[in-house]
């Protein structure tokens, strides 16, 4: 990581219950001199989930300055990247999803409302919390949209891939062949999902155990990449891998416990190191030749005992490193020095320099509330004329 650095400081509102004053979290960060110019050059921003800190962080750059925004989502895990669709009127919409311990939140692109979110004129994209779905605590990890618009979820507790249905907490769709029953036992710690043409293609798991939490016995080298269609393990020997991705005709994955990004030949099972970085890797997104990798410090638990990257905890960093995957060179970074210790997911918001997330807790986020309300003629269209005489409108909305 580069030596030239620029410091930053932010006060993030943390969740406080009831009517108590909102607690404040102090976050200190620094970034390399190339981080902001790179985001501005690419014309993109980032969304990052922080898990333990319970935030989704929007990372944007404008006029040579880095801007961070914080939205409260309890134990935020997977972020499903923007899904483009059209509504019943043919209007194009975009949605993202954020996974938590018991619920999945769905947020919709507010379109032109983005420019009106306080402070007005600041943002070019706004995602507004619109719905939630209660899954129960299934240990949601990564999520991806399917070609049919369904949300595919890595259901880690039940060792399966799931989708959603209004009558159930989840619908199990696929399990590794070595898992013999559907049970809430986190047998292999299934965690990552790569899609190909809108269908699940590869998943990552920390082991191939078929007993409750059995993956922990061989965590130092028991990690695998599995082909979903065949159910076969195509590559193994990884240390707690995460975030498989298909990009540029290659299969990438984070060999998290060794702090490295690898490219995998699914035919031979050989893994080639692309680059290394000083953190426990979770979260991988691409923009052309640039890979954005999430890094975390290890928690002080038995889970990380014996993991190579954790042997020198003082050297570990929490943040995002940008890697040119074609050359293997680390180009830029953002590091959280305090206030945030671990990340889970990273998503690139293409075509948006400053994205704002208007989550379900505007008070805790210290945001002004945003209401999306139909105009009079839209109400008539929604109701189809029914009930039009029930209320006399004194003035248009």
Foldseek 3Di string as FASTA:
>chain_A
DDDAKDKDKDWFFADDDDPDDTDIFIWIKMKHQCPQVVCVVQLWWKWFFFQVLQWIWIWFHDPSDIDIATDGHHRWAAKADWDWDADPVRHIWIWMWIDHQFKIWIWIWPQPCQQVFPVHNPWRIETETDDMATLHRQPWHYWYAAPVRWIWTCRQQQQAIWTDDPVHSTHGDAHQPLADDGDRQSFFRWHEFEDDNRHTFKTKTQASGRGRVNSLVPQQFHIFIAGGVVSDTQATGAHGKYYWYQDPNWIWIASQLQQFIWTADSNNRDIDTQEGDLARWAAWEDDVQKIKIFGFQDDPDPSNPPRVSNPCRVRHWGWIWIARSVRSDTDMIMTTPDRGGGIHYMYMGRNIRGYYYHYPCCVSSVTDDDDDDDKPVVVCVVCVNPCPPVDDDPDID
